[in-house]
Amino acid sequence: MGRPLAPASLPRRFRSFLNRAGLRRVRFHDLRHSTTALLLEQGIDLVVIKELLGHAHIGVTATVYAHVRLRLQRQAIDTLSDALAEGDDSEEFTTLSRDRLLTLPSAMPPNKVM
């Protein structure tokens, strides 16, 4: 204790910490993915995340985390649909609005970056 960890021993030490804490096993690298997903969900710009991760190209960041972005897009569509239906008690309007929104093309496909 009190000395820097050798990079090669980090995964082993991390597993040891997880075991002692009674937590399920995850890879140390999974912390990077979890942090990135949380940043995306908080609305942090993809360019900022790219720089934090050290990716040379934003396309790498966009591709690796496309699943998170797609989930956020679905949530945005649901939020917009709910806002459009607000004030209208018609079930038909709500269903129609949500169906129409879900068929709209995405403004930015997951593999294309502006």
PDB file of N, CA and C in Angstrom:
ATOM      1  N   MET A   1       0.836  -1.187   0.000  1.00  0.00           N
ATOM      2  CA  MET A   1       0.000   0.000   0.000  1.00  0.00           C
ATOM      3  C   MET A   1       0.879   1.248   0.000  1.00  0.00           C
ATOM      4  N   GLY A   2       0.338   2.313  -0.565  1.00  0.00           N
ATOM      5  CA  GLY A   2       1.084   3.544  -0.596  1.00  0.00           C
ATOM      6  C   GLY A   2       1.994   3.678  -1.800  1.00  0.00           C
ATOM      7  N   ARG A   3       2.072   2.638  -2.637  1.00  0.00           N
ATOM      8  CA  ARG A   3       2.903   2.706  -3.835  1.00  0.00           C
ATOM      9  C   ARG A   3       2.013   2.698  -5.066  1.00  0.00           C
ATOM     10  N   PRO A   4       2.499   3.254  -6.178  1.00  0.00           N
ATOM     11  CA  PRO A   4       1.715   3.206  -7.415  1.00  0.00           C
ATOM     12  C   PRO A   4       1.496   1.758  -7.861  1.00  0.00           C
ATOM     13  N   LEU A   5       0.351   1.530  -8.476  1.00  0.00           N
ATOM     14  CA  LEU A   5       0.052   0.199  -9.001  1.00  0.00           C
ATOM     15  C   LEU A   5       0.716   0.019 -10.353  1.00  0.00           C
ATOM     16  N   ALA A   6       1.229  -1.160 -10.578  1.00  0.00           N
ATOM     17  CA  ALA A   6       1.745  -1.491 -11.906  1.00  0.00           C
ATOM     18  C   ALA A   6       0.542  -1.679 -12.823  1.00  0.00           C
ATOM     19  N   PRO A   7       0.556  -1.081 -14.019  1.00  0.00           N
ATOM     20  CA  PRO A   7      -0.596  -1.197 -14.927  1.00  0.00           C
ATOM     21  C   PRO A   7      -1.030  -2.639 -15.175  1.00  0.00           C
ATOM     22  N   ALA A   8      -0.080  -3.556 -15.253  1.00  0.00           N
ATOM     23  CA  ALA A   8      -0.419  -4.954 -15.525  1.00  0.00           C
ATOM     24  C   ALA A   8      -1.194  -5.591 -14.375  1.00  0.00           C
ATOM     25  N   SER A   9      -1.028  -5.082 -13.159  1.00  0.00           N
ATOM     26  CA  SER A   9      -1.711  -5.690 -12.010  1.00  0.00           C
ATOM     27  C   SER A   9      -3.080  -5.060 -11.737  1.00  0.00           C
ATOM     28  N   LEU A  10      -3.431  -4.002 -12.460  1.00  0.00           N
ATOM     29  CA  LEU A  10      -4.683  -3.301 -12.201  1.00  0.00           C
ATOM     30  C   LEU A  10      -5.920  -4.190 -12.325  1.00  0.00           C
ATOM     31  N   PRO A  11      -6.079  -4.963 -13.411  1.00  0.00           N
ATOM     32  CA  PRO A  11      -7.280  -5.819 -13.502  1.00  0.00           C
ATOM     33  C   PRO A  11      -7.401  -6.808 -12.334  1.00  0.00           C
ATOM     34  N   ARG A  12      -6.283  -7.382 -11.912  1.00  0.00           N
ATOM     35  CA  ARG A  12      -6.306  -8.347 -10.805  1.00  0.00           C
ATOM     36  C   ARG A  12      -6.699  -7.647  -9.508  1.00  0.00           C
ATOM     37  N   ARG A  13      -6.117  -6.482  -9.249  1.00  0.00           N
ATOM     38  CA  ARG A  13      -6.438  -5.733  -8.040  1.00  0.00           C
ATOM     39  C   ARG A  13      -7.898  -5.286  -8.050  1.00  0.00           C
ATOM     40  N   PHE A  14      -8.382  -4.881  -9.219  1.00  0.00           N
ATOM     41  CA  PHE A  14      -9.770  -4.452  -9.344  1.00  0.00           C
ATOM     42  C   PHE A  14     -10.709  -5.614  -9.004  1.00  0.00           C
ATOM     43  N   ARG A  15     -10.424  -6.818  -9.529  1.00  0.00           N
ATOM     44  CA  ARG A  15     -11.234  -8.001  -9.194  1.00  0.00           C
ATOM     45  C   ARG A  15     -11.226  -8.255  -7.693  1.00  0.00           C
ATOM     46  N   SER A  16     -10.075  -8.069  -7.081  1.00  0.00           N
ATOM     47  CA  SER A  16      -9.963  -8.273  -5.641  1.00  0.00           C
ATOM     48  C   SER A  16     -10.850  -7.280  -4.880  1.00  0.00           C
ATOM     49  N   PHE A  17     -10.852  -6.031  -5.302  1.00  0.00           N
ATOM     50  CA  PHE A  17     -11.711  -5.019  -4.665  1.00  0.00           C
ATOM     51  C   PHE A  17     -13.184  -5.388  -4.811  1.00  0.00           C
ATOM     52  N   LEU A  18     -13.562  -5.847  -6.017  1.00  0.00           N
ATOM     53  CA  LEU A  18     -14.954  -6.235  -6.253  1.00  0.00           C
ATOM     54  C   LEU A  18     -15.349  -7.401  -5.351  1.00  0.00           C
ATOM     55  N   ASN A  19     -14.475  -8.400  -5.264  1.00  0.00           N
ATOM     56  CA  ASN A  19     -14.757  -9.569  -4.417  1.00  0.00           C
ATOM     57  C   ASN A  19     -14.935  -9.164  -2.957  1.00  0.00           C
ATOM     58  N   ARG A  20     -14.031  -8.342  -2.458  1.00  0.00           N
ATOM     59  CA  ARG A  20     -14.116  -7.911  -1.058  1.00  0.00           C
ATOM     60  C   ARG A  20     -15.368  -7.085  -0.797  1.00  0.00           C
ATOM     61  N   ALA A  21     -15.821  -6.340  -1.792  1.00  0.00           N
ATOM     62  CA  ALA A  21     -17.020  -5.507  -1.628  1.00  0.00           C
ATOM     63  C   ALA A  21     -18.302  -6.303  -1.878  1.00  0.00           C
ATOM     64  N   GLY A  22     -18.157  -7.555  -2.332  1.00  0.00           N
ATOM     65  CA  GLY A  22     -19.329  -8.377  -2.600  1.00  0.00           C
ATOM     66  C   GLY A  22     -20.069  -7.961  -3.860  1.00  0.00           C
ATOM     67  N   LEU A  23     -19.364  -7.348  -4.800  1.00  0.00           N
ATOM     68  CA  LEU A  23     -19.978  -6.891  -6.046  1.00  0.00           C
ATOM     69  C   LEU A  23     -19.747  -7.906  -7.159  1.00  0.00           C
ATOM     70  N   ARG A  24     -20.622  -7.872  -8.148  1.00  0.00           N
ATOM     71  CA  ARG A  24     -20.458  -8.801  -9.274  1.00  0.00           C
ATOM     72  C   ARG A  24     -19.218  -8.432 -10.073  1.00  0.00           C
ATOM     73  N   ARG A  25     -18.721  -9.407 -10.791  1.00  0.00           N
ATOM     74  CA  ARG A  25     -17.507  -9.202 -11.579  1.00  0.00           C
ATOM     75  C   ARG A  25     -17.788  -8.402 -12.836  1.00  0.00           C
ATOM     76  N   VAL A  26     -17.017  -7.371 -13.048  1.00  0.00           N
ATOM     77  CA  VAL A  26     -17.020  -6.596 -14.288  1.00  0.00           C
ATOM     78  C   VAL A  26     -15.566  -6.313 -14.631  1.00  0.00           C
ATOM     79  N   ARG A  27     -15.339  -6.062 -15.901  1.00  0.00           N
ATOM     80  CA  ARG A  27     -13.979  -5.714 -16.306  1.00  0.00           C
ATOM     81  C   ARG A  27     -13.696  -4.264 -15.918  1.00  0.00           C
ATOM     82  N   PHE A  28     -12.453  -3.948 -15.646  1.00  0.00           N
ATOM     83  CA  PHE A  28     -12.085  -2.578 -15.323  1.00  0.00           C
ATOM     84  C   PHE A  28     -12.478  -1.653 -16.474  1.00  0.00           C
ATOM     85  N   HIS A  29     -12.310  -2.130 -17.704  1.00  0.00           N
ATOM     86  CA  HIS A  29     -12.640  -1.343 -18.894  1.00  0.00           C
ATOM     87  C   HIS A  29     -14.138  -1.022 -18.956  1.00  0.00           C
ATOM     88  N   ASP A  30     -14.970  -1.845 -18.328  1.00  0.00           N
ATOM     89  CA  ASP A  30     -16.416  -1.581 -18.309  1.00  0.00           C
ATOM     90  C   ASP A  30     -16.742  -0.268 -17.603  1.00  0.00           C
ATOM     91  N   LEU A  31     -15.888   0.176 -16.704  1.00  0.00           N
ATOM     92  CA  LEU A  31     -16.106   1.461 -16.039  1.00  0.00           C
ATOM     93  C   LEU A  31     -16.065   2.604 -17.049  1.00  0.00           C
ATOM     94  N   ARG A  32     -15.208   2.477 -18.051  1.00  0.00           N
ATOM     95  CA  ARG A  32     -15.102   3.488 -19.103  1.00  0.00           C
ATOM     96  C   ARG A  32     -16.412   3.578 -19.882  1.00  0.00           C
ATOM     97  N   HIS A  33     -16.967   2.413 -20.228  1.00  0.00           N
ATOM     98  CA  HIS A  33     -18.228   2.385 -20.970  1.00  0.00           C
ATOM     99  C   HIS A  33     -19.384   2.920 -20.128  1.00  0.00           C
ATOM    100  N   SER A  34     -19.425   2.548 -18.872  1.00  0.00           N
ATOM    101  CA  SER A  34     -20.497   3.025 -17.989  1.00  0.00           C
ATOM    102  C   SER A  34     -20.434   4.539 -17.824  1.00  0.00           C
ATOM    103  N   THR A  35     -19.243   5.064 -17.636  1.00  0.00           N
ATOM    104  CA  THR A  35     -19.071   6.508 -17.495  1.00  0.00           C
ATOM    105  C   THR A  35     -19.522   7.232 -18.753  1.00  0.00           C
ATOM    106  N   THR A  36     -19.147   6.697 -19.904  1.00  0.00           N
ATOM    107  CA  THR A  36     -19.526   7.323 -21.171  1.00  0.00           C
ATOM    108  C   THR A  36     -21.036   7.307 -21.354  1.00  0.00           C
ATOM    109  N   ALA A  37     -21.674   6.187 -21.054  1.00  0.00           N
ATOM    110  CA  ALA A  37     -23.135   6.112 -21.174  1.00  0.00           C
ATOM    111  C   ALA A  37     -23.807   7.131 -20.257  1.00  0.00           C
ATOM    112  N   LEU A  38     -23.302   7.271 -19.045  1.00  0.00           N
ATOM    113  CA  LEU A  38     -23.868   8.252 -18.115  1.00  0.00           C
ATOM    114  C   LEU A  38     -23.687   9.679 -18.634  1.00  0.00           C
ATOM    115  N   LEU A  39     -22.532   9.975 -19.204  1.00  0.00           N
ATOM    116  CA  LEU A  39     -22.293  11.309 -19.762  1.00  0.00           C
ATOM    117  C   LEU A  39     -23.255  11.597 -20.911  1.00  0.00           C
ATOM    118  N   LEU A  40     -23.448  10.613 -21.789  1.00  0.00           N
ATOM    119  CA  LEU A  40     -24.383  10.789 -22.903  1.00  0.00           C
ATOM    120  C   LEU A  40     -25.797  11.031 -22.387  1.00  0.00           C
ATOM    121  N   GLU A  41     -26.210  10.255 -21.394  1.00  0.00           N
ATOM    122  CA  GLU A  41     -27.555  10.396 -20.841  1.00  0.00           C
ATOM    123  C   GLU A  41     -27.750  11.738 -20.135  1.00  0.00           C
ATOM    124  N   GLN A  42     -26.661  12.361 -19.710  1.00  0.00           N
ATOM    125  CA  GLN A  42     -26.746  13.672 -19.079  1.00  0.00           C
ATOM    126  C   GLN A  42     -26.689  14.799 -20.107  1.00  0.00           C
ATOM    127  N   GLY A  43     -26.603  14.425 -21.389  1.00  0.00           N
ATOM    128  CA  GLY A  43     -26.620  15.430 -22.449  1.00  0.00           C
ATOM    129  C   GLY A  43     -25.269  16.027 -22.790  1.00  0.00           C
ATOM    130  N   ILE A  44     -24.200  15.414 -22.325  1.00  0.00           N
ATOM    131  CA  ILE A  44     -22.864  15.926 -22.649  1.00  0.00           C
ATOM    132  C   ILE A  44     -22.616  15.709 -24.135  1.00  0.00           C
ATOM    133  N   ASP A  45     -22.107  16.721 -24.794  1.00  0.00           N
ATOM    134  CA  ASP A  45     -21.877  16.692 -26.232  1.00  0.00           C
ATOM    135  C   ASP A  45     -20.907  15.580 -26.617  1.00  0.00           C
ATOM    136  N   LEU A  46     -21.190  14.928 -27.731  1.00  0.00           N
ATOM    137  CA  LEU A  46     -20.367  13.816 -28.208  1.00  0.00           C
ATOM    138  C   LEU A  46     -18.921  14.237 -28.456  1.00  0.00           C
ATOM    139  N   VAL A  47     -18.704  15.476 -28.885  1.00  0.00           N
ATOM    140  CA  VAL A  47     -17.344  15.967 -29.126  1.00  0.00           C
ATOM    141  C   VAL A  47     -16.552  16.007 -27.813  1.00  0.00           C
ATOM    142  N   VAL A  48     -17.190  16.441 -26.747  1.00  0.00           N
ATOM    143  CA  VAL A  48     -16.536  16.493 -25.441  1.00  0.00           C
ATOM    144  C   VAL A  48     -16.187  15.082 -24.990  1.00  0.00           C
ATOM    145  N   ILE A  49     -17.114  14.151 -25.160  1.00  0.00           N
ATOM    146  CA  ILE A  49     -16.872  12.755 -24.762  1.00  0.00           C
ATOM    147  C   ILE A  49     -15.734  12.159 -25.586  1.00  0.00           C
ATOM    148  N   LYS A  50     -15.722  12.428 -26.881  1.00  0.00           N
ATOM    149  CA  LYS A  50     -14.639  11.957 -27.756  1.00  0.00           C
ATOM    150  C   LYS A  50     -13.283  12.403 -27.218  1.00  0.00           C
ATOM    151  N   GLU A  51     -13.202  13.662 -26.809  1.00  0.00           N
ATOM    152  CA  GLU A  51     -11.943  14.186 -26.286  1.00  0.00           C
ATOM    153  C   GLU A  51     -11.572  13.544 -24.953  1.00  0.00           C
ATOM    154  N   LEU A  52     -12.554  13.324 -24.074  1.00  0.00           N
ATOM    155  CA  LEU A  52     -12.286  12.674 -22.796  1.00  0.00           C
ATOM    156  C   LEU A  52     -11.778  11.252 -22.985  1.00  0.00           C
ATOM    157  N   LEU A  53     -12.357  10.561 -23.974  1.00  0.00           N
ATOM    158  CA  LEU A  53     -11.967   9.175 -24.227  1.00  0.00           C
ATOM    159  C   LEU A  53     -10.645   9.056 -24.971  1.00  0.00           C
ATOM    160  N   GLY A  54     -10.247  10.146 -25.619  1.00  0.00           N
ATOM    161  CA  GLY A  54      -8.998  10.105 -26.381  1.00  0.00           C
ATOM    162  C   GLY A  54      -9.153   9.498 -27.758  1.00  0.00           C
ATOM    163  N   HIS A  55     -10.388   9.443 -28.271  1.00  0.00           N
ATOM    164  CA  HIS A  55     -10.596   8.926 -29.617  1.00  0.00           C
ATOM    165  C   HIS A  55     -10.079   9.945 -30.629  1.00  0.00           C
ATOM    166  N   ALA A  56      -9.416   9.463 -31.674  1.00  0.00           N
ATOM    167  CA  ALA A  56      -8.886  10.355 -32.705  1.00  0.00           C
ATOM    168  C   ALA A  56     -10.007  10.915 -33.573  1.00  0.00           C
ATOM    169  N   HIS A  57     -11.046  10.118 -33.797  1.00  0.00           N
ATOM    170  CA  HIS A  57     -12.145  10.522 -34.674  1.00  0.00           C
ATOM    171  C   HIS A  57     -13.477  10.346 -33.955  1.00  0.00           C
ATOM    172  N   ILE A  58     -14.365  11.305 -34.138  1.00  0.00           N
ATOM    173  CA  ILE A  58     -15.671  11.250 -33.476  1.00  0.00           C
ATOM    174  C   ILE A  58     -16.504  10.079 -33.982  1.00  0.00           C
ATOM    175  N   GLY A  59     -16.232   9.621 -35.196  1.00  0.00           N
ATOM    176  CA  GLY A  59     -16.949   8.466 -35.740  1.00  0.00           C
ATOM    177  C   GLY A  59     -16.774   7.224 -34.886  1.00  0.00           C
ATOM    178  N   VAL A  60     -15.609   7.079 -34.294  1.00  0.00           N
ATOM    179  CA  VAL A  60     -15.360   5.928 -33.401  1.00  0.00           C
ATOM    180  C   VAL A  60     -16.277   6.037 -32.188  1.00  0.00           C
ATOM    181  N   THR A  61     -16.319   7.204 -31.584  1.00  0.00           N
ATOM    182  CA  THR A  61     -17.163   7.417 -30.401  1.00  0.00           C
ATOM    183  C   THR A  61     -18.630   7.190 -30.749  1.00  0.00           C
ATOM    184  N   ALA A  62     -19.062   7.763 -31.873  1.00  0.00           N
ATOM    185  CA  ALA A  62     -20.462   7.646 -32.286  1.00  0.00           C
ATOM    186  C   ALA A  62     -20.841   6.197 -32.562  1.00  0.00           C
ATOM    187  N   THR A  63     -19.947   5.444 -33.172  1.00  0.00           N
ATOM    188  CA  THR A  63     -20.237   4.045 -33.505  1.00  0.00           C
ATOM    189  C   THR A  63     -20.286   3.170 -32.256  1.00  0.00           C
ATOM    190  N   VAL A  64     -19.296   3.317 -31.387  1.00  0.00           N
ATOM    191  CA  VAL A  64     -19.217   2.473 -30.189  1.00  0.00           C
ATOM    192  C   VAL A  64     -20.408   2.717 -29.260  1.00  0.00           C
ATOM    193  N   TYR A  65     -20.874   3.969 -29.198  1.00  0.00           N
ATOM    194  CA  TYR A  65     -21.946   4.304 -28.265  1.00  0.00           C
ATOM    195  C   TYR A  65     -23.277   4.571 -28.969  1.00  0.00           C
ATOM    196  N   ALA A  66     -23.428   4.049 -30.189  1.00  0.00           N
ATOM    197  CA  ALA A  66     -24.662   4.240 -30.963  1.00  0.00           C
ATOM    198  C   ALA A  66     -25.876   3.694 -30.220  1.00  0.00           C
ATOM    199  N   HIS A  67     -25.727   2.565 -29.516  1.00  0.00           N
ATOM    200  CA  HIS A  67     -26.871   1.972 -28.809  1.00  0.00           C
ATOM    201  C   HIS A  67     -27.413   2.917 -27.741  1.00  0.00           C
ATOM    202  N   VAL A  68     -26.532   3.660 -27.072  1.00  0.00           N
ATOM    203  CA  VAL A  68     -26.984   4.617 -26.061  1.00  0.00           C
ATOM    204  C   VAL A  68     -27.703   5.770 -26.751  1.00  0.00           C
ATOM    205  N   ARG A  69     -27.145   6.248 -27.862  1.00  0.00           N
ATOM    206  CA  ARG A  69     -27.747   7.354 -28.587  1.00  0.00           C
ATOM    207  C   ARG A  69     -29.104   6.965 -29.142  1.00  0.00           C
ATOM    208  N   LEU A  70     -29.263   5.741 -29.612  1.00  0.00           N
ATOM    209  CA  LEU A  70     -30.560   5.284 -30.125  1.00  0.00           C
ATOM    210  C   LEU A  70     -31.605   5.252 -29.017  1.00  0.00           C
ATOM    211  N   ARG A  71     -31.217   4.787 -27.842  1.00  0.00           N
ATOM    212  CA  ARG A  71     -32.143   4.763 -26.705  1.00  0.00           C
ATOM    213  C   ARG A  71     -32.563   6.190 -26.340  1.00  0.00           C
ATOM    214  N   LEU A  72     -31.618   7.122 -26.363  1.00  0.00           N
ATOM    215  CA  LEU A  72     -31.938   8.514 -26.046  1.00  0.00           C
ATOM    216  C   LEU A  72     -32.839   9.122 -27.111  1.00  0.00           C
ATOM    217  N   GLN A  73     -32.645   8.742 -28.367  1.00  0.00           N
ATOM    218  CA  GLN A  73     -33.516   9.224 -29.439  1.00  0.00           C
ATOM    219  C   GLN A  73     -34.935   8.712 -29.237  1.00  0.00           C
ATOM    220  N   ARG A  74     -35.080   7.439 -28.869  1.00  0.00           N
ATOM    221  CA  ARG A  74     -36.414   6.883 -28.611  1.00  0.00           C
ATOM    222  C   ARG A  74     -37.095   7.618 -27.462  1.00  0.00           C
ATOM    223  N   GLN A  75     -36.330   7.908 -26.412  1.00  0.00           N
ATOM    224  CA  GLN A  75     -36.892   8.642 -25.277  1.00  0.00           C
ATOM    225  C   GLN A  75     -37.327  10.040 -25.703  1.00  0.00           C
ATOM    226  N   ALA A  76     -36.543  10.677 -26.560  1.00  0.00           N
ATOM    227  CA  ALA A  76     -36.898  12.014 -27.044  1.00  0.00           C
ATOM    228  C   ALA A  76     -38.191  11.967 -27.849  1.00  0.00           C
ATOM    229  N   ILE A  77     -38.346  10.949 -28.686  1.00  0.00           N
ATOM    230  CA  ILE A  77     -39.564  10.803 -29.485  1.00  0.00           C
ATOM    231  C   ILE A  77     -40.768  10.577 -28.577  1.00  0.00           C
ATOM    232  N   ASP A  78     -40.608   9.741 -27.565  1.00  0.00           N
ATOM    233  CA  ASP A  78     -41.708   9.504 -26.625  1.00  0.00           C
ATOM    234  C   ASP A  78     -42.079  10.783 -25.874  1.00  0.00           C
ATOM    235  N   THR A  79     -41.067  11.552 -25.479  1.00  0.00           N
ATOM    236  CA  THR A  79     -41.320  12.813 -24.776  1.00  0.00           C
ATOM    237  C   THR A  79     -42.072  13.783 -25.674  1.00  0.00           C
ATOM    238  N   LEU A  80     -41.645  13.881 -26.926  1.00  0.00           N
ATOM    239  CA  LEU A  80     -42.313  14.771 -27.869  1.00  0.00           C
ATOM    240  C   LEU A  80     -43.740  14.304 -28.131  1.00  0.00           C
ATOM    241  N   SER A  81     -43.930  13.012 -28.287  1.00  0.00           N
ATOM    242  CA  SER A  81     -45.260  12.460 -28.510  1.00  0.00           C
ATOM    243  C   SER A  81     -46.184  12.773 -27.340  1.00  0.00           C
ATOM    244  N   ASP A  82     -45.658  12.609 -26.126  1.00  0.00           N
ATOM    245  CA  ASP A  82     -46.458  12.918 -24.934  1.00  0.00           C
ATOM    246  C   ASP A  82     -46.820  14.398 -24.895  1.00  0.00           C
ATOM    247  N   ALA A  83     -45.878  15.248 -25.282  1.00  0.00           N
ATOM    248  CA  ALA A  83     -46.146  16.692 -25.286  1.00  0.00           C
ATOM    249  C   ALA A  83     -47.205  17.043 -26.323  1.00  0.00           C
ATOM    250  N   LEU A  84     -47.162  16.389 -27.477  1.00  0.00           N
ATOM    251  CA  LEU A  84     -48.158  16.644 -28.515  1.00  0.00           C
ATOM    252  C   LEU A  84     -49.544  16.175 -28.084  1.00  0.00           C
ATOM    253  N   ALA A  85     -49.590  15.092 -27.341  1.00  0.00           N
ATOM    254  CA  ALA A  85     -50.868  14.534 -26.906  1.00  0.00           C
ATOM    255  C   ALA A  85     -51.431  15.258 -25.683  1.00  0.00           C
ATOM    256  N   GLU A  86     -50.592  16.025 -24.992  1.00  0.00           N
ATOM    257  CA  GLU A  86     -51.030  16.716 -23.787  1.00  0.00           C
ATOM    258  C   GLU A  86     -52.180  17.669 -24.110  1.00  0.00           C
ATOM    259  N   GLY A  87     -53.190  17.591 -23.324  1.00  0.00           N
ATOM    260  CA  GLY A  87     -54.334  18.464 -23.543  1.00  0.00           C
ATOM    261  C   GLY A  87     -55.372  17.857 -24.459  1.00  0.00           C
ATOM    262  N   ASP A  88     -55.057  16.755 -25.120  1.00  0.00           N
ATOM    263  CA  ASP A  88     -56.019  16.075 -25.987  1.00  0.00           C
ATOM    264  C   ASP A  88     -56.285  14.714 -25.374  1.00  0.00           C
ATOM    265  N   ASP A  89     -57.504  14.481 -24.935  1.00  0.00           N
ATOM    266  CA  ASP A  89     -57.849  13.231 -24.265  1.00  0.00           C
ATOM    267  C   ASP A  89     -58.104  12.099 -25.244  1.00  0.00           C
ATOM    268  N   SER A  90     -58.003  12.361 -26.519  1.00  0.00           N
ATOM    269  CA  SER A  90     -58.294  11.356 -27.526  1.00  0.00           C
ATOM    270  C   SER A  90     -57.175  10.324 -27.608  1.00  0.00           C
ATOM    271  N   GLU A  91     -57.502   9.073 -27.314  1.00  0.00           N
ATOM    272  CA  GLU A  91     -56.533   7.978 -27.424  1.00  0.00           C
ATOM    273  C   GLU A  91     -56.065   7.838 -28.871  1.00  0.00           C
ATOM    274  N   GLU A  92     -56.980   8.096 -29.807  1.00  0.00           N
ATOM    275  CA  GLU A  92     -56.645   7.990 -31.225  1.00  0.00           C
ATOM    276  C   GLU A  92     -55.534   8.982 -31.593  1.00  0.00           C
ATOM    277  N   PHE A  93     -55.609  10.211 -31.070  1.00  0.00           N
ATOM    278  CA  PHE A  93     -54.590  11.217 -31.356  1.00  0.00           C
ATOM    279  C   PHE A  93     -53.238  10.776 -30.816  1.00  0.00           C
ATOM    280  N   THR A  94     -53.209  10.285 -29.584  1.00  0.00           N
ATOM    281  CA  THR A  94     -51.957   9.868 -28.972  1.00  0.00           C
ATOM    282  C   THR A  94     -51.311   8.750 -29.772  1.00  0.00           C
ATOM    283  N   THR A  95     -52.090   7.745 -30.155  1.00  0.00           N
ATOM    284  CA  THR A  95     -51.556   6.629 -30.929  1.00  0.00           C
ATOM    285  C   THR A  95     -51.068   7.100 -32.289  1.00  0.00           C
ATOM    286  N   LEU A  96     -51.859   7.923 -32.966  1.00  0.00           N
ATOM    287  CA  LEU A  96     -51.483   8.426 -34.277  1.00  0.00           C
ATOM    288  C   LEU A  96     -50.202   9.243 -34.197  1.00  0.00           C
ATOM    289  N   SER A  97     -50.097  10.127 -33.213  1.00  0.00           N
ATOM    290  CA  SER A  97     -48.916  10.970 -33.072  1.00  0.00           C
ATOM    291  C   SER A  97     -47.670  10.133 -32.833  1.00  0.00           C
ATOM    292  N   ARG A  98     -47.771   9.176 -31.915  1.00  0.00           N
ATOM    293  CA  ARG A  98     -46.608   8.347 -31.602  1.00  0.00           C
ATOM    294  C   ARG A  98     -46.212   7.524 -32.822  1.00  0.00           C
ATOM    295  N   ASP A  99     -47.177   6.948 -33.533  1.00  0.00           N
ATOM    296  CA  ASP A  99     -46.862   6.157 -34.730  1.00  0.00           C
ATOM    297  C   ASP A  99     -46.192   7.012 -35.794  1.00  0.00           C
ATOM    298  N   ARG A 100     -46.698   8.214 -36.006  1.00  0.00           N
ATOM    299  CA  ARG A 100     -46.118   9.102 -37.019  1.00  0.00           C
ATOM    300  C   ARG A 100     -44.708   9.512 -36.629  1.00  0.00           C
ATOM    301  N   LEU A 101     -44.478   9.782 -35.339  1.00  0.00           N
ATOM    302  CA  LEU A 101     -43.146  10.182 -34.903  1.00  0.00           C
ATOM    303  C   LEU A 101     -42.150   9.046 -35.053  1.00  0.00           C
ATOM    304  N   LEU A 102     -42.584   7.834 -34.777  1.00  0.00           N
ATOM    305  CA  LEU A 102     -41.675   6.705 -34.866  1.00  0.00           C
ATOM    306  C   LEU A 102     -41.285   6.388 -36.305  1.00  0.00           C
ATOM    307  N   THR A 103     -42.062   6.865 -37.272  1.00  0.00           N
ATOM    308  CA  THR A 103     -41.703   6.596 -38.663  1.00  0.00           C
ATOM    309  C   THR A 103     -40.857   7.703 -39.270  1.00  0.00           C
ATOM    310  N   LEU A 104     -40.654   8.795 -38.521  1.00  0.00           N
ATOM    311  CA  LEU A 104     -39.815   9.871 -39.043  1.00  0.00           C
ATOM    312  C   LEU A 104     -38.371   9.408 -39.118  1.00  0.00           C
ATOM    313  N   PRO A 105     -37.660   9.764 -40.181  1.00  0.00           N
ATOM    314  CA  PRO A 105     -36.249   9.380 -40.253  1.00  0.00           C
ATOM    315  C   PRO A 105     -35.454  10.118 -39.187  1.00  0.00           C
ATOM    316  N   SER A 106     -34.425   9.483 -38.704  1.00  0.00           N
ATOM    317  CA  SER A 106     -33.572  10.095 -37.702  1.00  0.00           C
ATOM    318  C   SER A 106     -32.799  11.247 -38.333  1.00  0.00           C
ATOM    319  N   ALA A 107     -32.658  12.316 -37.570  1.00  0.00           N
ATOM    320  CA  ALA A 107     -31.921  13.467 -38.073  1.00  0.00           C
ATOM    321  C   ALA A 107     -30.446  13.151 -38.233  1.00  0.00           C
ATOM    322  N   MET A 108     -29.935  12.220 -37.435  1.00  0.00           N
ATOM    323  CA  MET A 108     -28.534  11.859 -37.515  1.00  0.00           C
ATOM    324  C   MET A 108     -28.413  10.353 -37.294  1.00  0.00           C
ATOM    325  N   PRO A 109     -28.315   9.559 -38.369  1.00  0.00           N
ATOM    326  CA  PRO A 109     -28.175   8.125 -38.196  1.00  0.00           C
ATOM    327  C   PRO A 109     -26.961   7.789 -37.324  1.00  0.00           C
ATOM    328  N   PRO A 110     -27.008   6.655 -36.609  1.00  0.00           N
ATOM    329  CA  PRO A 110     -25.930   6.334 -35.659  1.00  0.00           C
ATOM    330  C   PRO A 110     -24.552   6.235 -36.299  1.00  0.00           C
ATOM    331  N   ASN A 111     -24.468   5.850 -37.571  1.00  0.00           N
ATOM    332  CA  ASN A 111     -23.146   5.700 -38.173  1.00  0.00           C
ATOM    333  C   ASN A 111     -22.726   6.941 -38.955  1.00  0.00           C
ATOM    334  N   LYS A 112     -23.521   7.977 -38.944  1.00  0.00           N
ATOM    335  CA  LYS A 112     -23.176   9.236 -39.623  1.00  0.00           C
ATOM    336  C   LYS A 112     -23.055  10.327 -38.564  1.00  0.00           C
ATOM    337  N   VAL A 113     -22.015  11.111 -38.643  1.00  0.00           N
ATOM    338  CA  VAL A 113     -21.804  12.168 -37.681  1.00  0.00           C
ATOM    339  C   VAL A 113     -21.654  13.479 -38.435  1.00  0.00           C
ATOM    340  N   MET A 114     -22.308  14.513 -37.899  1.00  0.00           N
ATOM    341  CA  MET A 114     -22.207  15.830 -38.528  1.00  0.00           C
ATOM    342  C   MET A 114     -20.849  16.445 -38.262  1.00  0.00           C
TER     343      MET A 114
END
